[in-house]
N, C-alpha and C. Protein backbone atom coordinates (compact mmCIF):
# COMPACT_ATOMS: atom_id res chain seq x y z
N MET A 1 -24.86 -6.11 1.42
CA MET A 1 -23.41 -6.17 1.35
C MET A 1 -22.17 -5.62 1.53
N THR A 2 -20.70 -6.01 2.43
CA THR A 2 -20.11 -5.33 3.09
C THR A 2 -19.00 -5.62 1.31
N THR A 3 -17.74 -4.19 2.33
CA THR A 3 -16.21 -4.93 1.27
C THR A 3 -15.71 -4.54 2.85
N ASP A 4 -15.09 -5.93 2.44
CA ASP A 4 -13.34 -5.92 3.54
C ASP A 4 -12.70 -5.03 3.07
N LYS A 5 -12.60 -3.62 3.06
CA LYS A 5 -11.43 -2.62 2.84
C LYS A 5 -10.99 -2.13 4.19
N ARG A 6 -9.38 -2.66 4.29
CA ARG A 6 -8.85 -2.17 5.05
C ARG A 6 -7.38 -1.53 4.39
N LEU A 7 -7.15 -0.63 5.22
CA LEU A 7 -5.58 -0.06 4.94
C LEU A 7 -4.18 -1.11 5.54
N GLN A 8 -3.50 -1.69 3.45
CA GLN A 8 -2.55 -1.70 3.91
C GLN A 8 -1.43 -1.07 3.34
N ARG A 9 -0.08 -2.08 3.49
CA ARG A 9 0.62 -2.06 1.98
C ARG A 9 0.69 -1.98 1.35
N SER A 10 1.17 -1.20 -0.25
CA SER A 10 0.45 -2.51 -1.64
C SER A 10 1.56 -2.87 -2.27
N ASN A 11 1.55 -4.01 -3.09
CA ASN A 11 2.33 -4.73 -3.41
C ASN A 11 2.77 -3.73 -4.48
N ASP A 12 1.48 -3.83 -5.71
CA ASP A 12 1.72 -3.44 -6.40
C ASP A 12 2.26 -2.00 -6.80
N ASP A 13 2.13 -1.15 -6.43
CA ASP A 13 1.97 -0.01 -6.05
C ASP A 13 2.94 1.11 -5.70
N ARG A 14 4.10 0.81 -5.53
CA ARG A 14 5.42 0.96 -4.42
C ARG A 14 6.35 1.76 -4.66
N TRP A 15 6.74 2.42 -3.63
CA TRP A 15 8.40 3.02 -4.74
C TRP A 15 8.66 2.42 -3.42
N ILE A 16 9.10 3.36 -2.45
CA ILE A 16 9.66 2.28 -1.44
C ILE A 16 9.12 1.38 -0.98
N GLY A 17 8.11 1.48 0.66
CA GLY A 17 7.46 1.45 1.09
C GLY A 17 6.25 0.58 0.76
N GLY A 18 4.99 1.56 -0.30
CA GLY A 18 4.07 0.55 -0.59
C GLY A 18 3.37 1.32 0.84
N VAL A 19 2.64 2.39 1.61
CA VAL A 19 2.69 3.08 2.46
C VAL A 19 1.87 4.11 1.42
N CYS A 20 2.05 4.56 1.15
CA CYS A 20 1.55 5.25 -0.63
C CYS A 20 0.16 5.21 -1.63
N GLY A 21 1.63 3.96 -1.60
CA GLY A 21 0.22 3.05 -2.65
C GLY A 21 -1.33 2.29 -1.95
N GLY A 22 -0.71 2.04 -0.80
CA GLY A 22 -2.01 1.15 0.19
C GLY A 22 -2.34 2.16 0.36
N VAL A 23 -2.30 4.54 0.51
CA VAL A 23 -3.33 4.32 1.38
C VAL A 23 -4.50 5.78 0.01
N ALA A 24 -3.82 4.94 -1.07
CA ALA A 24 -4.29 5.85 -2.74
C ALA A 24 -5.45 4.38 -2.18
N ASP A 25 -5.10 3.08 -2.09
CA ASP A 25 -6.34 2.44 -2.93
C ASP A 25 -7.13 1.61 -0.77
N TYR A 26 -6.88 3.24 -0.47
CA TYR A 26 -7.92 2.55 0.21
C TYR A 26 -9.32 3.84 0.35
N THR A 27 -8.31 5.36 -0.33
CA THR A 27 -9.49 6.22 -0.14
C THR A 27 -9.57 5.89 -2.13
N GLY A 28 -9.11 5.43 -2.41
CA GLY A 28 -9.14 5.71 -4.23
C GLY A 28 -9.23 7.03 -5.11
N VAL A 29 -7.93 6.92 -4.48
CA VAL A 29 -7.38 8.82 -5.28
C VAL A 29 -6.12 8.39 -5.65
N ASP A 30 -5.88 8.48 -6.08
CA ASP A 30 -4.54 9.05 -7.42
C ASP A 30 -3.08 8.59 -6.22
N ALA A 31 -2.28 7.04 -6.22
CA ALA A 31 -1.27 7.57 -5.72
C ALA A 31 -0.40 8.80 -5.48
N ASN A 32 -0.12 8.91 -6.89
CA ASN A 32 1.33 9.72 -6.92
C ASN A 32 0.48 10.77 -6.42
N LEU A 33 -0.76 11.50 -6.06
CA LEU A 33 -1.50 12.64 -5.39
C LEU A 33 -1.18 12.64 -4.21
N ILE A 34 -1.37 11.63 -3.82
CA ILE A 34 -1.34 11.34 -2.47
C ILE A 34 0.23 11.37 -2.06
N ARG A 35 1.68 10.59 -2.85
CA ARG A 35 3.18 11.51 -3.16
C ARG A 35 3.72 12.74 -2.97
N LEU A 36 2.94 13.22 -4.57
CA LEU A 36 3.14 14.64 -4.43
C LEU A 36 2.94 15.33 -3.24
N LEU A 37 1.42 14.99 -3.15
CA LEU A 37 1.21 15.64 -0.77
C LEU A 37 2.23 15.25 0.27
N VAL A 38 2.79 14.20 -0.05
CA VAL A 38 3.56 14.30 0.69
C VAL A 38 4.94 14.65 1.30
N VAL A 39 5.64 14.25 -0.58
CA VAL A 39 6.92 15.59 -0.35
C VAL A 39 6.77 17.23 0.39
N VAL A 40 5.47 17.26 0.02
CA VAL A 40 5.13 18.67 -0.26
C VAL A 40 4.56 18.91 1.20
N GLY A 41 3.84 18.01 1.71
CA GLY A 41 3.96 18.33 3.44
C GLY A 41 5.16 17.91 4.29
N THR A 42 6.15 17.05 3.55
CA THR A 42 7.71 17.14 4.50
C THR A 42 8.20 18.57 4.12
N VAL A 43 8.56 18.66 3.04
CA VAL A 43 9.12 20.20 2.67
C VAL A 43 8.20 20.87 3.91
N LEU A 44 7.08 21.35 3.35
CA LEU A 44 6.93 22.63 4.37
C LEU A 44 6.69 22.10 5.59
N GLY A 45 7.03 21.02 6.15
CA GLY A 45 6.92 19.98 7.72
C GLY A 45 7.40 20.45 7.71
N PHE A 46 8.84 20.39 7.13
CA PHE A 46 9.81 20.76 7.60
C PHE A 46 10.84 19.39 8.01
N GLY A 47 10.09 17.87 7.50
CA GLY A 47 10.46 16.13 7.43
C GLY A 47 9.54 15.95 7.92
N SER A 48 8.27 16.36 9.14
CA SER A 48 7.57 15.57 10.11
C SER A 48 6.90 14.53 9.58
N LEU A 49 6.54 14.60 7.85
CA LEU A 49 6.23 13.91 7.66
C LEU A 49 6.89 12.62 7.47
N ILE A 50 8.33 12.15 7.19
CA ILE A 50 9.27 11.37 6.85
C ILE A 50 8.47 10.46 8.30
N VAL A 51 8.42 10.89 9.46
CA VAL A 51 8.74 10.35 10.59
C VAL A 51 7.62 10.05 10.81
N ALA A 52 6.29 9.98 10.04
CA ALA A 52 4.93 9.59 9.47
C ALA A 52 4.89 8.26 8.73
N TYR A 53 5.61 8.92 7.79
CA TYR A 53 5.84 8.00 6.56
C TYR A 53 6.27 6.33 7.33
N VAL A 54 7.72 6.43 8.12
CA VAL A 54 8.38 5.76 8.86
C VAL A 54 7.53 4.86 9.60
N VAL A 55 6.83 5.33 10.32
CA VAL A 55 5.46 4.86 11.02
C VAL A 55 4.81 4.28 11.11
N ALA A 56 4.02 4.48 9.41
CA ALA A 56 3.19 3.62 8.42
C ALA A 56 3.77 2.81 7.83
N TRP A 57 4.70 2.21 8.11
CA TRP A 57 5.21 1.66 7.73
C TRP A 57 5.48 0.49 8.26
N ILE A 58 5.53 1.13 10.04
CA ILE A 58 6.32 -0.22 10.56
C ILE A 58 4.46 -0.71 10.92
N ILE A 59 3.51 0.13 11.10
CA ILE A 59 2.49 0.01 11.61
C ILE A 59 1.60 -0.77 10.81
N MET A 60 1.39 -0.06 8.98
CA MET A 60 0.80 -1.11 8.40
C MET A 60 0.93 -2.88 7.82
N PRO A 61 -0.07 -3.42 7.97
CA PRO A 61 0.68 -5.22 6.98
C PRO A 61 0.37 -4.85 5.31
N LYS A 62 1.42 -5.15 5.35
CA LYS A 62 1.61 -6.03 3.72
C LYS A 62 0.01 -6.39 3.77
N ALA A 63 -0.23 -6.19 2.26
CA ALA A 63 -1.07 -6.65 1.89
C ALA A 63 -0.94 -7.94 0.58
N ASP A 64 -1.65 -8.49 1.39
CA ASP A 64 -1.81 -10.61 0.71
C ASP A 64 -1.51 -10.40 -0.73
N PRO A 65 -0.55 -10.95 -1.26
CA PRO A 65 -0.18 -10.68 -2.79
C PRO A 65 -2.24 -11.15 -3.64
N THR A 66 -2.81 -12.11 -3.13
CA THR A 66 -3.78 -12.52 -3.81
C THR A 66 -5.19 -11.49 -2.97
N PRO A 67 -6.11 -11.19 -3.93
CA PRO A 67 -7.37 -10.60 -3.25
C PRO A 67 -8.11 -10.89 -2.39
N TYR A 68 -8.44 -10.38 -1.70
CA TYR A 68 -9.80 -10.72 0.00
C TYR A 68 -10.59 -12.01 -0.99
N GLY A 69 -10.49 -12.74 -0.19
CA GLY A 69 -11.69 -13.63 -1.35
C GLY A 69 -11.39 -14.95 -2.32
N THR A 70 -10.35 -14.53 -2.45
CA THR A 70 -9.89 -16.03 -3.83
C THR A 70 -8.48 -16.72 -3.76
N THR A 71 -8.16 -17.91 -3.92
CA THR A 71 -7.02 -18.42 -3.26
C THR A 71 -5.99 -18.39 -4.95
N PRO A 72 -4.95 -18.92 -4.93
CA PRO A 72 -3.89 -18.93 -5.08
C PRO A 72 -4.55 -19.98 -7.01
N PRO A 73 -4.01 -20.18 -7.86
CA PRO A 73 -4.65 -21.19 -9.10
C PRO A 73 -3.59 -22.63 -7.85
N ALA A 74 -3.92 -23.47 -7.64
CA ALA A 74 -2.93 -24.72 -7.39
C ALA A 74 -1.37 -25.33 -8.23
N PRO A 75 -0.52 -25.65 -8.20
CA PRO A 75 0.26 -25.62 -8.73
C PRO A 75 0.17 -26.38 -9.14
N ALA A 76 1.05 -26.51 -11.38
CA ALA A 76 0.77 -28.51 -11.99
C ALA A 76 1.69 -29.15 -11.92
N PRO A 77 0.98 -30.41 -11.88
CA PRO A 77 1.63 -31.81 -12.10
C PRO A 77 3.09 -31.60 -12.66
N PRO A 78 4.09 -32.35 -11.52
CA PRO A 78 5.26 -32.64 -12.33
C PRO A 78 5.16 -33.61 -14.04
N SER A 79 5.59 -32.32 -15.42
CA SER A 79 5.88 -33.17 -16.22
C SER A 79 6.66 -34.68 -15.47
N GLU A 80 6.33 -35.21 -16.56
CA GLU A 80 7.66 -36.57 -17.47
C GLU A 80 8.06 -36.60 -18.29
């Protein structure tokens, strides 16, 4: 059994760019804990994580709106 786990920005769990939500989905850790670690790391690192966040925002692809292996439902036929 293979799982297609990819690091992507989250569509559902996002505050700014979805980077922390995507990292949380990838690692299985709560997104609020990731956000807290980023804020604390930014304060203690004098803002260096802000640069890392922006780089990750640019590099990480946005997650597909549909889960892996599924197709969106077909549109309903027009009503008369």
